[in-house]
Amino acid sequence: MKITGRTRITGLYGYPVEHTLSPLMHNAAFEHLGIDYCYLPFSVHPDSLKNAIDAIRALNLTGVNVTIPHKESVLPYLDEVNEEALFIGAVNTIVNHEKKLTGYNTDGRGFMRSLSENDIFTDNKKVLIVGAGGASRAICYYLSEKAAKLYLFDIDKIKLERLASDLSEIRENIHILNDTANLSDFDLLINATPLGLKATDPVPLDVSLLSPHQTVCDLIYKKTPLLALAAQKGCKTIDGLGMLLWQGVLAFELWTRTLPPVDVMRNALMSGLK
């Protein structure tokens, strides 16, 4: 990649960021299209977040992605937050337009695109989401539009009830699940917790209760023990790599107003995982 005096800078704000695959897919897309952009990882300590947001204006960055632990805490420092991100309560993409910073959340739409490209459709389906954190809020915003019934489960009952209450203000198909004894009732089961990132993590669902007609998703972008065990039961499985790809595709469009080369970005992610 050739850096010039006109190169426009995008990047990622997170802490830590050393593990990120996002620079691979975005820089591959910029290079493929021959546009003068570059994507950099920025390790931003929580104490420095406000200064880092001010730097977007000061350095005239085109925009940044935002990841853990800043997705929620970044909201007060932005000039505007779109309706979707306001409901979710989290931002994963910031666009700088003439020093006005607008926050978006492309995670939910990215997840839905990953489902559709795998021929997984939620219309009139019964869906269970395990986890009521930020990732869950992002995908629930869209899933609740399509699913016949959306069930939520989390061991943190306060967080669970808050999410269910917020969703119930805009949807009528939201239900709280008090236990996971009847997993075979659901068409689609989604792990939206971090369980599976570490080898020592417990499996978030009792896979012995699953049936081959079910689809199991994990938002973690690698083959987790949950997905491996679900596949052994005959379930269709999908990991979070597609969500990572499509949220990045949507962020790319917001920054560049250009259609990105999706296959180039996907191949860059796959190479990074290897």
C-alpha atoms as a PDB file:
ATOM      1  CA  MET A   1       0.000   0.000   0.000  1.00  0.00           C
ATOM      2  CA  LYS A   2       1.329   3.420  -0.986  1.00  0.00           C
ATOM      3  CA  ILE A   3       0.765   6.293   1.483  1.00  0.00           C
ATOM      4  CA  THR A   4       0.513   9.749  -0.087  1.00  0.00           C
ATOM      5  CA  GLY A   5      -0.199  13.262   1.100  1.00  0.00           C
ATOM      6  CA  ARG A   6      -3.848  12.685   0.176  1.00  0.00           C
ATOM      7  CA  THR A   7      -4.302   9.340   1.948  1.00  0.00           C
ATOM      8  CA  ARG A   8      -7.492   9.293   4.008  1.00  0.00           C
ATOM      9  CA  ILE A   9      -7.214   7.508   7.348  1.00  0.00           C
ATOM     10  CA  THR A  10      -9.735   5.141   8.880  1.00  0.00           C
ATOM     11  CA  GLY A  11      -9.132   2.707  11.702  1.00  0.00           C
ATOM     12  CA  LEU A  12     -10.230   0.940  14.849  1.00  0.00           C
ATOM     13  CA  TYR A  13     -10.492   2.244  18.402  1.00  0.00           C
ATOM     14  CA  GLY A  14     -10.339  -0.503  21.007  1.00  0.00           C
ATOM     15  CA  TYR A  15      -8.396  -1.789  24.000  1.00  0.00           C
ATOM     16  CA  PRO A  16      -6.752  -4.130  23.256  1.00  0.00           C
ATOM     17  CA  VAL A  17      -6.606  -4.191  19.439  1.00  0.00           C
ATOM     18  CA  GLU A  18      -3.662  -6.498  18.767  1.00  0.00           C
ATOM     19  CA  HIS A  19      -5.951  -9.399  17.840  1.00  0.00           C
ATOM     20  CA  THR A  20      -8.046  -7.515  15.267  1.00  0.00           C
ATOM     21  CA  LEU A  21      -8.535  -8.770  11.703  1.00  0.00           C
ATOM     22  CA  SER A  22     -10.233  -5.585  10.520  1.00  0.00           C
ATOM     23  CA  PRO A  23      -7.104  -3.905   9.053  1.00  0.00           C
ATOM     24  CA  LEU A  24      -6.586  -6.939   6.831  1.00  0.00           C
ATOM     25  CA  MET A  25     -10.014  -6.808   5.219  1.00  0.00           C
ATOM     26  CA  HIS A  26     -10.293  -3.028   4.871  1.00  0.00           C
ATOM     27  CA  ASN A  27      -6.793  -2.452   3.520  1.00  0.00           C
ATOM     28  CA  ALA A  28      -7.248  -5.334   1.066  1.00  0.00           C
ATOM     29  CA  ALA A  29     -10.442  -3.658  -0.167  1.00  0.00           C
ATOM     30  CA  PHE A  30      -8.820  -0.216  -0.489  1.00  0.00           C
ATOM     31  CA  GLU A  31      -5.905  -1.679  -2.430  1.00  0.00           C
ATOM     32  CA  HIS A  32      -8.180  -3.736  -4.700  1.00  0.00           C
ATOM     33  CA  LEU A  33     -10.254  -0.677  -5.591  1.00  0.00           C
ATOM     34  CA  GLY A  34      -7.189   1.542  -5.937  1.00  0.00           C
ATOM     35  CA  ILE A  35      -8.580   4.210  -3.607  1.00  0.00           C
ATOM     36  CA  ASP A  36      -6.280   6.293  -1.425  1.00  0.00           C
ATOM     37  CA  TYR A  37      -7.398   5.123   2.026  1.00  0.00           C
ATOM     38  CA  CYS A  38      -5.723   3.242   4.827  1.00  0.00           C
ATOM     39  CA  TYR A  39      -7.016   1.493   7.965  1.00  0.00           C
ATOM     40  CA  LEU A  40      -4.998   1.446  11.199  1.00  0.00           C
ATOM     41  CA  PRO A  41      -5.526  -0.095  14.644  1.00  0.00           C
ATOM     42  CA  PHE A  42      -5.452   2.416  17.526  1.00  0.00           C
ATOM     43  CA  SER A  43      -5.034   1.108  21.073  1.00  0.00           C
ATOM     44  CA  VAL A  44      -7.158   3.554  23.069  1.00  0.00           C
ATOM     45  CA  HIS A  45      -7.154   3.220  26.848  1.00  0.00           C
ATOM     46  CA  PRO A  46     -10.584   4.008  28.347  1.00  0.00           C
ATOM     47  CA  ASP A  47      -9.112   7.023  30.153  1.00  0.00           C
ATOM     48  CA  SER A  48      -8.071   8.473  26.778  1.00  0.00           C
ATOM     49  CA  LEU A  49     -11.334   7.898  24.886  1.00  0.00           C
ATOM     50  CA  LYS A  50     -12.500  11.529  24.829  1.00  0.00           C
ATOM     51  CA  ASN A  51      -9.097  12.693  23.581  1.00  0.00           C
ATOM     52  CA  ALA A  52      -9.140   9.977  20.933  1.00  0.00           C
ATOM     53  CA  ILE A  53     -12.574  11.092  19.710  1.00  0.00           C
ATOM     54  CA  ASP A  54     -11.389  14.700  19.571  1.00  0.00           C
ATOM     55  CA  ALA A  55      -8.433  13.470  17.501  1.00  0.00           C
ATOM     56  CA  ILE A  56     -10.805  12.256  14.773  1.00  0.00           C
ATOM     57  CA  ARG A  57     -11.691  15.895  14.137  1.00  0.00           C
ATOM     58  CA  ALA A  58      -8.220  17.299  14.802  1.00  0.00           C
ATOM     59  CA  LEU A  59      -6.470  14.835  12.469  1.00  0.00           C
ATOM     60  CA  ASN A  60      -9.352  14.786   9.972  1.00  0.00           C
ATOM     61  CA  LEU A  61      -9.750  11.020  10.081  1.00  0.00           C
ATOM     62  CA  THR A  62     -12.499   9.828   7.743  1.00  0.00           C
ATOM     63  CA  GLY A  63     -13.901   7.662  10.502  1.00  0.00           C
ATOM     64  CA  VAL A  64     -13.232   4.730  12.774  1.00  0.00           C
ATOM     65  CA  ASN A  65     -14.695   1.480  13.948  1.00  0.00           C
ATOM     66  CA  VAL A  66     -15.237   1.169  17.692  1.00  0.00           C
ATOM     67  CA  THR A  67     -14.866  -2.082  19.586  1.00  0.00           C
ATOM     68  CA  ILE A  68     -14.636  -3.337  23.172  1.00  0.00           C
ATOM     69  CA  PRO A  69     -14.653  -1.593  25.638  1.00  0.00           C
ATOM     70  CA  HIS A  70     -15.762   1.664  23.972  1.00  0.00           C
ATOM     71  CA  LYS A  71     -18.977   0.850  22.076  1.00  0.00           C
ATOM     72  CA  GLU A  72     -21.267   2.245  24.768  1.00  0.00           C
ATOM     73  CA  SER A  73     -19.036   4.831  26.446  1.00  0.00           C
ATOM     74  CA  VAL A  74     -18.351   6.616  23.148  1.00  0.00           C
ATOM     75  CA  LEU A  75     -21.923   7.896  22.694  1.00  0.00           C
ATOM     76  CA  PRO A  76     -21.671  11.114  24.780  1.00  0.00           C
ATOM     77  CA  TYR A  77     -18.682  12.325  22.744  1.00  0.00           C
ATOM     78  CA  LEU A  78     -20.443  12.214  19.353  1.00  0.00           C
ATOM     79  CA  ASP A  79     -22.384  14.998  17.642  1.00  0.00           C
ATOM     80  CA  GLU A  80     -25.128  12.683  16.436  1.00  0.00           C
ATOM     81  CA  VAL A  81     -26.118   9.037  16.821  1.00  0.00           C
ATOM     82  CA  ASN A  82     -28.504   7.405  14.362  1.00  0.00           C
ATOM     83  CA  GLU A  83     -31.785   5.875  15.544  1.00  0.00           C
ATOM     84  CA  GLU A  84     -30.638   2.272  15.329  1.00  0.00           C
ATOM     85  CA  ALA A  85     -27.478   2.876  17.377  1.00  0.00           C
ATOM     86  CA  LEU A  86     -29.437   4.914  19.937  1.00  0.00           C
ATOM     87  CA  PHE A  87     -31.820   2.024  20.532  1.00  0.00           C
ATOM     88  CA  ILE A  88     -28.979  -0.483  20.743  1.00  0.00           C
ATOM     89  CA  GLY A  89     -27.089   1.865  23.049  1.00  0.00           C
ATOM     90  CA  ALA A  90     -23.816   1.166  21.286  1.00  0.00           C
ATOM     91  CA  VAL A  91     -21.811   2.474  18.332  1.00  0.00           C
ATOM     92  CA  ASN A  92     -19.383   0.443  16.244  1.00  0.00           C
ATOM     93  CA  THR A  93     -18.773   2.930  13.409  1.00  0.00           C
ATOM     94  CA  ILE A  94     -18.089   6.679  13.459  1.00  0.00           C
ATOM     95  CA  VAL A  95     -18.202   8.844  10.342  1.00  0.00           C
ATOM     96  CA  ASN A  96     -16.501  12.245  10.256  1.00  0.00           C
ATOM     97  CA  HIS A  97     -18.194  14.651   7.836  1.00  0.00           C
ATOM     98  CA  GLU A  98     -16.766  18.168   8.013  1.00  0.00           C
ATOM     99  CA  LYS A  99     -15.834  17.632  11.687  1.00  0.00           C
ATOM    100  CA  LYS A 100     -19.334  16.425  12.589  1.00  0.00           C
ATOM    101  CA  LEU A 101     -19.090  12.944  14.107  1.00  0.00           C
ATOM    102  CA  THR A 102     -22.030  10.586  13.597  1.00  0.00           C
ATOM    103  CA  GLY A 103     -22.303   7.191  15.260  1.00  0.00           C
ATOM    104  CA  TYR A 104     -23.785   4.087  13.649  1.00  0.00           C
ATOM    105  CA  ASN A 105     -24.115   0.436  14.566  1.00  0.00           C
ATOM    106  CA  THR A 106     -23.665  -1.988  11.675  1.00  0.00           C
ATOM    107  CA  ASP A 107     -23.470  -5.159  13.795  1.00  0.00           C
ATOM    108  CA  GLY A 108     -27.153  -6.083  13.595  1.00  0.00           C
ATOM    109  CA  ARG A 109     -27.436  -5.563   9.851  1.00  0.00           C
ATOM    110  CA  GLY A 110     -24.150  -7.399   9.412  1.00  0.00           C
ATOM    111  CA  PHE A 111     -25.516 -10.369  11.329  1.00  0.00           C
ATOM    112  CA  MET A 112     -28.687 -10.494   9.233  1.00  0.00           C
ATOM    113  CA  ARG A 113     -26.646 -10.414   6.011  1.00  0.00           C
ATOM    114  CA  SER A 114     -24.531 -13.305   7.296  1.00  0.00           C
ATOM    115  CA  LEU A 115     -27.698 -15.320   7.954  1.00  0.00           C
ATOM    116  CA  SER A 116     -29.178 -14.677   4.528  1.00  0.00           C
ATOM    117  CA  GLU A 117     -25.989 -15.611   2.668  1.00  0.00           C
ATOM    118  CA  ASN A 118     -26.106 -18.949   4.518  1.00  0.00           C
ATOM    119  CA  ASP A 119     -29.768 -19.450   3.538  1.00  0.00           C
ATOM    120  CA  ILE A 120     -30.922 -18.997   7.120  1.00  0.00           C
ATOM    121  CA  PHE A 121     -34.224 -17.131   7.226  1.00  0.00           C
ATOM    122  CA  THR A 122     -35.968 -16.088  10.419  1.00  0.00           C
ATOM    123  CA  ASP A 123     -39.419 -15.240   9.052  1.00  0.00           C
ATOM    124  CA  ASN A 124     -42.039 -16.962  11.196  1.00  0.00           C
ATOM    125  CA  LYS A 125     -39.339 -18.840  13.111  1.00  0.00           C
ATOM    126  CA  LYS A 126     -38.909 -19.353  16.825  1.00  0.00           C
ATOM    127  CA  VAL A 127     -35.546 -17.880  17.867  1.00  0.00           C
ATOM    128  CA  LEU A 128     -33.579 -18.070  21.128  1.00  0.00           C
ATOM    129  CA  ILE A 129     -30.776 -15.645  21.942  1.00  0.00           C
ATOM    130  CA  VAL A 130     -28.502 -16.468  24.860  1.00  0.00           C
ATOM    131  CA  GLY A 131     -26.982 -13.292  26.265  1.00  0.00           C
ATOM    132  CA  ALA A 132     -28.462  -9.832  26.796  1.00  0.00           C
ATOM    133  CA  GLY A 133     -25.385  -7.643  26.322  1.00  0.00           C
ATOM    134  CA  GLY A 134     -24.457  -5.205  23.586  1.00  0.00           C
ATOM    135  CA  ALA A 135     -24.075  -7.829  20.848  1.00  0.00           C
ATOM    136  CA  SER A 136     -27.478  -9.249  21.696  1.00  0.00           C
ATOM    137  CA  ARG A 137     -29.100  -5.809  21.596  1.00  0.00           C
ATOM    138  CA  ALA A 138     -27.657  -5.191  18.127  1.00  0.00           C
ATOM    139  CA  ILE A 139     -29.007  -8.388  16.575  1.00  0.00           C
ATOM    140  CA  CYS A 140     -32.319  -8.317  18.477  1.00  0.00           C
ATOM    141  CA  TYR A 141     -33.179  -4.978  16.879  1.00  0.00           C
ATOM    142  CA  TYR A 142     -33.405  -6.736  13.513  1.00  0.00           C
ATOM    143  CA  LEU A 143     -34.302 -10.285  14.494  1.00  0.00           C
ATOM    144  CA  SER A 144     -37.392  -9.078  16.310  1.00  0.00           C
ATOM    145  CA  GLU A 145     -38.694  -7.634  13.030  1.00  0.00           C
ATOM    146  CA  LYS A 146     -38.685 -11.038  11.346  1.00  0.00           C
ATOM    147  CA  ALA A 147     -38.991 -13.816  13.890  1.00  0.00           C
ATOM    148  CA  ALA A 148     -42.445 -15.040  14.894  1.00  0.00           C
ATOM    149  CA  LYS A 149     -41.270 -15.279  18.491  1.00  0.00           C
ATOM    150  CA  LEU A 150     -37.994 -14.067  19.961  1.00  0.00           C
ATOM    151  CA  TYR A 151     -36.910 -15.556  23.286  1.00  0.00           C
ATOM    152  CA  LEU A 152     -34.158 -14.094  25.469  1.00  0.00           C
ATOM    153  CA  PHE A 153     -32.095 -15.823  28.129  1.00  0.00           C
ATOM    154  CA  ASP A 154     -29.321 -14.562  30.391  1.00  0.00           C
ATOM    155  CA  ILE A 155     -28.172 -15.408  33.897  1.00  0.00           C
ATOM    156  CA  ASP A 156     -28.030 -11.648  34.549  1.00  0.00           C
ATOM    157  CA  LYS A 157     -31.750 -11.106  35.127  1.00  0.00           C
ATOM    158  CA  ILE A 158     -31.513  -7.317  35.438  1.00  0.00           C
ATOM    159  CA  LYS A 159     -29.823  -6.984  32.059  1.00  0.00           C
ATOM    160  CA  LEU A 160     -32.244  -9.539  30.595  1.00  0.00           C
ATOM    161  CA  GLU A 161     -35.358  -7.722  31.794  1.00  0.00           C
ATOM    162  CA  ARG A 162     -34.010  -4.357  30.620  1.00  0.00           C
ATOM    163  CA  LEU A 163     -33.432  -5.677  27.100  1.00  0.00           C
ATOM    164  CA  ALA A 164     -36.837  -7.369  26.981  1.00  0.00           C
ATOM    165  CA  SER A 165     -38.521  -4.178  28.205  1.00  0.00           C
ATOM    166  CA  ASP A 166     -36.745  -2.014  25.625  1.00  0.00           C
ATOM    167  CA  LEU A 167     -37.598  -4.398  22.787  1.00  0.00           C
ATOM    168  CA  SER A 168     -41.222  -4.667  23.911  1.00  0.00           C
ATOM    169  CA  GLU A 169     -41.626  -0.947  23.308  1.00  0.00           C
ATOM    170  CA  ILE A 170     -41.206  -1.518  19.569  1.00  0.00           C
ATOM    171  CA  ARG A 171     -42.163  -5.203  19.113  1.00  0.00           C
ATOM    172  CA  GLU A 172     -44.853  -7.557  20.396  1.00  0.00           C
ATOM    173  CA  ASN A 173     -43.085 -10.892  19.976  1.00  0.00           C
ATOM    174  CA  ILE A 174     -40.533 -10.678  22.825  1.00  0.00           C
ATOM    175  CA  HIS A 175     -40.389 -13.330  25.547  1.00  0.00           C
ATOM    176  CA  ILE A 176     -38.096 -14.010  28.497  1.00  0.00           C
ATOM    177  CA  LEU A 177     -36.927 -17.592  28.960  1.00  0.00           C
ATOM    178  CA  ASN A 178     -36.354 -18.567  32.587  1.00  0.00           C
ATOM    179  CA  ASP A 179     -34.402 -21.734  31.805  1.00  0.00           C
ATOM    180  CA  THR A 180     -33.061 -23.610  28.787  1.00  0.00           C
ATOM    181  CA  ALA A 181     -34.660 -26.987  29.446  1.00  0.00           C
ATOM    182  CA  ASN A 182     -36.641 -27.017  26.187  1.00  0.00           C
ATOM    183  CA  LEU A 183     -34.007 -26.130  23.603  1.00  0.00           C
ATOM    184  CA  SER A 184     -35.558 -28.466  21.012  1.00  0.00           C
ATOM    185  CA  ASP A 185     -38.498 -26.026  20.700  1.00  0.00           C
ATOM    186  CA  PHE A 186     -36.442 -23.473  18.757  1.00  0.00           C
ATOM    187  CA  ASP A 187     -35.634 -23.233  15.057  1.00  0.00           C
ATOM    188  CA  LEU A 188     -32.610 -20.988  15.577  1.00  0.00           C
ATOM    189  CA  LEU A 189     -30.364 -20.701  18.641  1.00  0.00           C
ATOM    190  CA  ILE A 190     -27.773 -17.933  18.951  1.00  0.00           C
ATOM    191  CA  ASN A 191     -24.921 -17.579  21.435  1.00  0.00           C
ATOM    192  CA  ALA A 192     -24.395 -13.843  21.984  1.00  0.00           C
ATOM    193  CA  THR A 193     -22.182 -14.311  25.052  1.00  0.00           C
ATOM    194  CA  PRO A 194     -18.344 -14.376  25.112  1.00  0.00           C
ATOM    195  CA  LEU A 195     -18.413 -18.027  26.248  1.00  0.00           C
ATOM    196  CA  GLY A 196     -16.263 -19.953  23.798  1.00  0.00           C
ATOM    197  CA  LEU A 197     -13.499 -17.383  23.372  1.00  0.00           C
ATOM    198  CA  LYS A 198     -11.322 -19.279  25.843  1.00  0.00           C
ATOM    199  CA  ALA A 199     -10.693 -23.017  25.833  1.00  0.00           C
ATOM    200  CA  THR A 200     -11.660 -23.187  29.517  1.00  0.00           C
ATOM    201  CA  ASP A 201     -15.099 -21.604  28.978  1.00  0.00           C
ATOM    202  CA  PRO A 202     -18.188 -23.727  29.660  1.00  0.00           C
ATOM    203  CA  VAL A 203     -20.453 -24.444  26.682  1.00  0.00           C
ATOM    204  CA  PRO A 204     -23.350 -21.936  26.903  1.00  0.00           C
ATOM    205  CA  LEU A 205     -26.059 -24.452  25.890  1.00  0.00           C
ATOM    206  CA  ASP A 206     -26.761 -28.086  26.743  1.00  0.00           C
ATOM    207  CA  VAL A 207     -26.096 -29.590  23.326  1.00  0.00           C
ATOM    208  CA  SER A 208     -27.566 -32.940  24.361  1.00  0.00           C
ATOM    209  CA  LEU A 209     -30.988 -31.261  24.026  1.00  0.00           C
ATOM    210  CA  LEU A 210     -30.452 -30.206  20.391  1.00  0.00           C
ATOM    211  CA  SER A 211     -32.012 -31.841  17.329  1.00  0.00           C
ATOM    212  CA  PRO A 212     -30.791 -32.067  13.706  1.00  0.00           C
ATOM    213  CA  HIS A 213     -33.535 -29.733  12.397  1.00  0.00           C
ATOM    214  CA  GLN A 214     -32.086 -26.784  14.339  1.00  0.00           C
ATOM    215  CA  THR A 215     -29.593 -24.091  13.361  1.00  0.00           C
ATOM    216  CA  VAL A 216     -27.015 -22.940  15.921  1.00  0.00           C
ATOM    217  CA  CYS A 217     -25.134 -19.639  15.561  1.00  0.00           C
ATOM    218  CA  ASP A 218     -22.229 -18.255  17.555  1.00  0.00           C
ATOM    219  CA  LEU A 219     -21.231 -14.599  17.288  1.00  0.00           C
ATOM    220  CA  ILE A 220     -17.621 -15.544  18.047  1.00  0.00           C
ATOM    221  CA  TYR A 221     -15.753 -15.666  14.735  1.00  0.00           C
ATOM    222  CA  LYS A 222     -14.161 -19.077  15.113  1.00  0.00           C
ATOM    223  CA  LYS A 223     -15.379 -22.643  15.439  1.00  0.00           C
ATOM    224  CA  THR A 224     -16.263 -22.823  19.114  1.00  0.00           C
ATOM    225  CA  PRO A 225     -16.900 -26.005  21.144  1.00  0.00           C
ATOM    226  CA  LEU A 226     -20.622 -25.138  20.980  1.00  0.00           C
ATOM    227  CA  LEU A 227     -20.584 -25.223  17.177  1.00  0.00           C
ATOM    228  CA  ALA A 228     -18.469 -28.370  17.037  1.00  0.00           C
ATOM    229  CA  LEU A 229     -20.815 -30.236  19.385  1.00  0.00           C
ATOM    230  CA  ALA A 230     -23.937 -28.913  17.630  1.00  0.00           C
ATOM    231  CA  ALA A 231     -22.569 -30.118  14.289  1.00  0.00           C
ATOM    232  CA  GLN A 232     -22.071 -33.568  15.799  1.00  0.00           C
ATOM    233  CA  LYS A 233     -25.787 -33.540  16.659  1.00  0.00           C
ATOM    234  CA  GLY A 234     -26.585 -32.845  13.011  1.00  0.00           C
ATOM    235  CA  CYS A 235     -27.412 -29.160  13.409  1.00  0.00           C
ATOM    236  CA  LYS A 236     -26.588 -26.554  10.798  1.00  0.00           C
ATOM    237  CA  THR A 237     -23.977 -24.209  12.316  1.00  0.00           C
ATOM    238  CA  ILE A 238     -22.644 -20.735  11.538  1.00  0.00           C
ATOM    239  CA  ASP A 239     -19.895 -18.787  13.289  1.00  0.00           C
ATOM    240  CA  GLY A 240     -19.462 -15.016  13.654  1.00  0.00           C
ATOM    241  CA  LEU A 241     -17.030 -14.515  10.768  1.00  0.00           C
ATOM    242  CA  GLY A 242     -19.858 -13.518   8.419  1.00  0.00           C
ATOM    243  CA  MET A 243     -21.087 -10.917  10.893  1.00  0.00           C
ATOM    244  CA  LEU A 244     -17.548  -9.519  11.186  1.00  0.00           C
ATOM    245  CA  LEU A 245     -17.315  -9.350   7.400  1.00  0.00           C
ATOM    246  CA  TRP A 246     -20.683  -7.714   6.750  1.00  0.00           C
ATOM    247  CA  GLN A 247     -20.486  -5.166   9.556  1.00  0.00           C
ATOM    248  CA  GLY A 248     -17.166  -4.170   7.986  1.00  0.00           C
ATOM    249  CA  VAL A 249     -18.704  -4.006   4.519  1.00  0.00           C
ATOM    250  CA  LEU A 250     -21.404  -1.649   5.801  1.00  0.00           C
ATOM    251  CA  ALA A 251     -18.852   0.541   7.625  1.00  0.00           C
ATOM    252  CA  PHE A 252     -16.740   0.680   4.447  1.00  0.00           C
ATOM    253  CA  GLU A 253     -19.768   1.973   2.523  1.00  0.00           C
ATOM    254  CA  LEU A 254     -20.437   4.645   5.146  1.00  0.00           C
ATOM    255  CA  TRP A 255     -16.854   5.965   4.955  1.00  0.00           C
ATOM    256  CA  THR A 256     -16.211   5.746   1.218  1.00  0.00           C
ATOM    257  CA  ARG A 257     -19.725   5.791  -0.333  1.00  0.00           C
ATOM    258  CA  THR A 258     -18.344   3.037  -2.528  1.00  0.00           C
ATOM    259  CA  LEU A 259     -19.445  -0.583  -2.917  1.00  0.00           C
ATOM    260  CA  PRO A 260     -16.658  -2.704  -1.433  1.00  0.00           C
ATOM    261  CA  PRO A 261     -15.264  -5.936  -2.949  1.00  0.00           C
ATOM    262  CA  VAL A 262     -16.895  -8.371  -0.537  1.00  0.00           C
ATOM    263  CA  ASP A 263     -15.006 -11.456  -1.716  1.00  0.00           C
ATOM    264  CA  VAL A 264     -11.678  -9.653  -1.359  1.00  0.00           C
ATOM    265  CA  MET A 265     -12.558  -8.717   2.219  1.00  0.00           C
ATOM    266  CA  ARG A 266     -13.737 -12.250   2.980  1.00  0.00           C
ATOM    267  CA  ASN A 267     -10.530 -13.792   1.613  1.00  0.00           C
ATOM    268  CA  ALA A 268      -8.435 -11.372   3.673  1.00  0.00           C
ATOM    269  CA  LEU A 269     -10.273 -12.441   6.836  1.00  0.00           C
ATOM    270  CA  MET A 270      -9.862 -16.117   6.027  1.00  0.00           C
ATOM    271  CA  SER A 271      -6.136 -15.639   5.416  1.00  0.00           C
ATOM    272  CA  GLY A 272      -5.840 -13.801   8.723  1.00  0.00           C
ATOM    273  CA  LEU A 273      -7.488 -16.651  10.608  1.00  0.00           C
ATOM    274  CA  LYS A 274      -5.049 -19.140   9.115  1.00  0.00           C
END
